[in-house]
Amino acid sequence: MDISLSPNNEKFIQNQIAAGIYNSINEAINATLSIAIAQIEVSPDEINNLKADIQKGLDDVKSGREHDCIEFMDGLIKKYE
């Protein structure tokens, strides 16, 4: 497979290799793609659970059971990490 990288992406990968984070361009690109794929692959159940949690928060606000926004978001982040 032949690919072309933007100058910024190429510089980033070269810097990562120079810093010893990766040993080759192939290793850097494969690692980056693995991270991107992991972020994209969200199961339908995870999406439904997140929607339910958001709806619960909205329902709480409507009924006067307000929560600290930062605590609520921190809880969601921890739950879905």
N, C-alpha and C. Protein backbone atom coordinates (compact mmCIF):
# COMPACT_ATOMS: atom_id res chain seq x y z
N MET A 1 0.84 -1.17 0.00
CA MET A 1 0.00 0.00 0.00
C MET A 1 0.89 1.23 0.00
N ASP A 2 0.57 2.15 -0.85
CA ASP A 2 1.30 3.40 -0.95
C ASP A 2 0.44 4.50 -0.36
N ILE A 3 0.96 5.27 0.58
CA ILE A 3 0.19 6.37 1.15
C ILE A 3 1.02 7.65 1.11
N SER A 4 0.31 8.77 1.15
CA SER A 4 0.96 10.07 1.23
C SER A 4 0.45 10.76 2.48
N LEU A 5 1.36 11.34 3.23
CA LEU A 5 1.01 12.06 4.44
C LEU A 5 1.14 13.55 4.21
N SER A 6 0.32 14.31 4.92
CA SER A 6 0.48 15.76 4.86
C SER A 6 1.82 16.10 5.51
N PRO A 7 2.39 17.23 5.17
CA PRO A 7 3.67 17.62 5.79
C PRO A 7 3.60 17.64 7.32
N ASN A 8 2.48 18.11 7.88
CA ASN A 8 2.35 18.13 9.35
C ASN A 8 2.33 16.73 9.94
N ASN A 9 1.60 15.81 9.30
CA ASN A 9 1.54 14.44 9.80
C ASN A 9 2.90 13.75 9.68
N GLU A 10 3.57 13.99 8.56
CA GLU A 10 4.88 13.39 8.36
C GLU A 10 5.87 13.90 9.41
N LYS A 11 5.83 15.20 9.67
CA LYS A 11 6.72 15.79 10.69
C LYS A 11 6.41 15.20 12.07
N PHE A 12 5.13 15.06 12.38
CA PHE A 12 4.73 14.48 13.66
C PHE A 12 5.30 13.07 13.82
N ILE A 13 5.14 12.25 12.81
CA ILE A 13 5.62 10.86 12.88
C ILE A 13 7.15 10.84 12.97
N GLN A 14 7.82 11.66 12.19
CA GLN A 14 9.29 11.71 12.26
C GLN A 14 9.75 12.13 13.67
N ASN A 15 9.04 13.09 14.28
CA ASN A 15 9.38 13.50 15.64
C ASN A 15 9.16 12.38 16.65
N GLN A 16 8.10 11.61 16.45
CA GLN A 16 7.81 10.48 17.35
C GLN A 16 8.91 9.42 17.23
N ILE A 17 9.35 9.17 16.02
CA ILE A 17 10.44 8.21 15.80
C ILE A 17 11.74 8.73 16.40
N ALA A 18 12.03 10.01 16.17
CA ALA A 18 13.26 10.61 16.71
C ALA A 18 13.26 10.59 18.23
N ALA A 19 12.08 10.70 18.84
CA ALA A 19 11.98 10.69 20.30
C ALA A 19 12.04 9.27 20.86
N GLY A 20 12.04 8.28 19.99
CA GLY A 20 12.12 6.89 20.44
C GLY A 20 10.78 6.28 20.82
N ILE A 21 9.70 6.99 20.53
CA ILE A 21 8.37 6.46 20.85
C ILE A 21 8.03 5.31 19.92
N TYR A 22 8.41 5.44 18.67
CA TYR A 22 8.21 4.37 17.67
C TYR A 22 9.54 4.12 16.99
N ASN A 23 9.68 2.89 16.47
CA ASN A 23 10.92 2.51 15.80
C ASN A 23 10.88 2.71 14.29
N SER A 24 9.68 2.85 13.74
CA SER A 24 9.56 2.99 12.29
C SER A 24 8.27 3.71 11.95
N ILE A 25 8.20 4.15 10.69
CA ILE A 25 6.97 4.79 10.21
C ILE A 25 5.81 3.81 10.28
N ASN A 26 6.05 2.56 9.88
CA ASN A 26 4.98 1.56 9.93
C ASN A 26 4.45 1.39 11.35
N GLU A 27 5.34 1.30 12.31
CA GLU A 27 4.93 1.12 13.70
C GLU A 27 4.10 2.32 14.17
N ALA A 28 4.53 3.53 13.82
CA ALA A 28 3.82 4.74 14.23
C ALA A 28 2.43 4.80 13.61
N ILE A 29 2.33 4.50 12.34
CA ILE A 29 1.03 4.56 11.66
C ILE A 29 0.10 3.47 12.19
N ASN A 30 0.61 2.26 12.39
CA ASN A 30 -0.23 1.19 12.93
C ASN A 30 -0.73 1.52 14.32
N ALA A 31 0.13 2.08 15.17
CA ALA A 31 -0.29 2.45 16.52
C ALA A 31 -1.35 3.54 16.47
N THR A 32 -1.15 4.53 15.63
CA THR A 32 -2.11 5.63 15.50
C THR A 32 -3.45 5.13 14.99
N LEU A 33 -3.42 4.25 14.01
CA LEU A 33 -4.67 3.69 13.50
C LEU A 33 -5.38 2.85 14.56
N SER A 34 -4.63 2.12 15.36
CA SER A 34 -5.23 1.33 16.44
C SER A 34 -5.96 2.22 17.43
N ILE A 35 -5.35 3.35 17.76
CA ILE A 35 -5.98 4.30 18.68
C ILE A 35 -7.24 4.88 18.05
N ALA A 36 -7.16 5.26 16.79
CA ALA A 36 -8.33 5.83 16.11
C ALA A 36 -9.47 4.83 16.03
N ILE A 37 -9.15 3.60 15.70
CA ILE A 37 -10.18 2.55 15.60
C ILE A 37 -10.82 2.31 16.96
N ALA A 38 -10.03 2.28 18.02
CA ALA A 38 -10.56 2.06 19.36
C ALA A 38 -11.53 3.18 19.74
N GLN A 39 -11.24 4.39 19.32
CA GLN A 39 -12.11 5.52 19.65
C GLN A 39 -13.40 5.48 18.83
N ILE A 40 -13.34 4.94 17.64
CA ILE A 40 -14.50 4.90 16.76
C ILE A 40 -15.43 3.74 17.12
N GLU A 41 -14.85 2.63 17.52
CA GLU A 41 -15.63 1.42 17.77
C GLU A 41 -16.36 1.52 19.11
N VAL A 42 -17.57 2.00 19.05
CA VAL A 42 -18.41 2.08 20.23
C VAL A 42 -19.62 1.21 19.96
N SER A 43 -19.91 0.32 20.89
CA SER A 43 -21.02 -0.60 20.67
C SER A 43 -22.35 0.12 20.79
N PRO A 44 -23.37 -0.41 20.14
CA PRO A 44 -24.71 0.17 20.28
C PRO A 44 -25.17 0.21 21.74
N ASP A 45 -24.80 -0.79 22.52
CA ASP A 45 -25.18 -0.79 23.94
C ASP A 45 -24.55 0.38 24.68
N GLU A 46 -23.26 0.68 24.37
CA GLU A 46 -22.59 1.81 25.01
C GLU A 46 -23.27 3.13 24.64
N ILE A 47 -23.66 3.26 23.39
CA ILE A 47 -24.34 4.47 22.94
C ILE A 47 -25.70 4.59 23.64
N ASN A 48 -26.45 3.49 23.71
CA ASN A 48 -27.75 3.52 24.38
C ASN A 48 -27.61 3.84 25.86
N ASN A 49 -26.59 3.28 26.52
CA ASN A 49 -26.35 3.57 27.93
C ASN A 49 -26.01 5.04 28.14
N LEU A 50 -25.19 5.58 27.26
CA LEU A 50 -24.83 6.99 27.36
C LEU A 50 -26.06 7.87 27.16
N LYS A 51 -26.88 7.55 26.17
CA LYS A 51 -28.11 8.31 25.94
C LYS A 51 -29.02 8.25 27.17
N ALA A 52 -29.13 7.07 27.78
CA ALA A 52 -29.97 6.91 28.97
C ALA A 52 -29.44 7.75 30.12
N ASP A 53 -28.12 7.76 30.30
CA ASP A 53 -27.52 8.56 31.36
C ASP A 53 -27.75 10.05 31.13
N ILE A 54 -27.63 10.49 29.90
CA ILE A 54 -27.87 11.90 29.57
C ILE A 54 -29.34 12.24 29.82
N GLN A 55 -30.23 11.35 29.39
CA GLN A 55 -31.65 11.60 29.61
C GLN A 55 -31.97 11.66 31.09
N LYS A 56 -31.36 10.80 31.89
CA LYS A 56 -31.56 10.81 33.34
C LYS A 56 -31.16 12.17 33.91
N GLY A 57 -30.03 12.68 33.45
CA GLY A 57 -29.59 13.99 33.91
C GLY A 57 -30.56 15.09 33.52
N LEU A 58 -31.05 15.04 32.29
CA LEU A 58 -32.03 16.03 31.84
C LEU A 58 -33.33 15.93 32.64
N ASP A 59 -33.77 14.70 32.90
CA ASP A 59 -34.99 14.50 33.69
C ASP A 59 -34.80 15.02 35.11
N ASP A 60 -33.61 14.79 35.69
CA ASP A 60 -33.32 15.29 37.03
C ASP A 60 -33.42 16.81 37.08
N VAL A 61 -32.86 17.48 36.08
CA VAL A 61 -32.90 18.94 36.04
C VAL A 61 -34.35 19.42 35.94
N LYS A 62 -35.12 18.79 35.06
CA LYS A 62 -36.52 19.20 34.88
C LYS A 62 -37.32 19.05 36.16
N SER A 63 -37.00 18.02 36.95
CA SER A 63 -37.77 17.78 38.17
C SER A 63 -37.17 18.47 39.40
N GLY A 64 -36.13 19.26 39.18
CA GLY A 64 -35.55 20.01 40.29
C GLY A 64 -34.43 19.28 41.01
N ARG A 65 -34.10 18.11 40.57
CA ARG A 65 -32.99 17.36 41.18
C ARG A 65 -31.72 17.69 40.39
N GLU A 66 -31.18 18.84 40.67
CA GLU A 66 -30.02 19.30 39.91
C GLU A 66 -28.74 18.71 40.47
N HIS A 67 -27.77 18.51 39.61
CA HIS A 67 -26.46 17.98 39.97
C HIS A 67 -25.39 18.98 39.55
N ASP A 68 -24.28 18.90 40.22
CA ASP A 68 -23.14 19.70 39.80
C ASP A 68 -22.68 19.18 38.45
N CYS A 69 -22.61 20.04 37.47
CA CYS A 69 -22.28 19.65 36.09
C CYS A 69 -20.91 18.97 36.01
N ILE A 70 -19.93 19.51 36.71
CA ILE A 70 -18.57 18.95 36.65
C ILE A 70 -18.57 17.53 37.23
N GLU A 71 -19.23 17.34 38.36
CA GLU A 71 -19.29 16.01 38.96
C GLU A 71 -20.01 15.03 38.04
N PHE A 72 -21.10 15.49 37.44
CA PHE A 72 -21.86 14.64 36.53
C PHE A 72 -21.02 14.20 35.34
N MET A 73 -20.33 15.17 34.71
CA MET A 73 -19.49 14.85 33.55
C MET A 73 -18.31 13.96 33.96
N ASP A 74 -17.70 14.24 35.11
CA ASP A 74 -16.61 13.39 35.59
C ASP A 74 -17.09 11.95 35.77
N GLY A 75 -18.30 11.80 36.32
CA GLY A 75 -18.87 10.46 36.49
C GLY A 75 -19.09 9.76 35.17
N LEU A 76 -19.60 10.49 34.17
CA LEU A 76 -19.80 9.89 32.85
C LEU A 76 -18.48 9.51 32.22
N ILE A 77 -17.48 10.38 32.34
CA ILE A 77 -16.18 10.08 31.75
C ILE A 77 -15.59 8.83 32.38
N LYS A 78 -15.64 8.73 33.71
CA LYS A 78 -15.11 7.54 34.38
C LYS A 78 -15.87 6.29 33.97
N LYS A 79 -17.17 6.42 33.84
CA LYS A 79 -18.01 5.26 33.49
C LYS A 79 -17.69 4.73 32.09
N TYR A 80 -17.39 5.62 31.16
CA TYR A 80 -17.20 5.21 29.77
C TYR A 80 -15.75 5.16 29.32
N GLU A 81 -14.81 5.30 30.24
CA GLU A 81 -13.40 5.19 29.85
C GLU A 81 -13.03 3.77 29.56
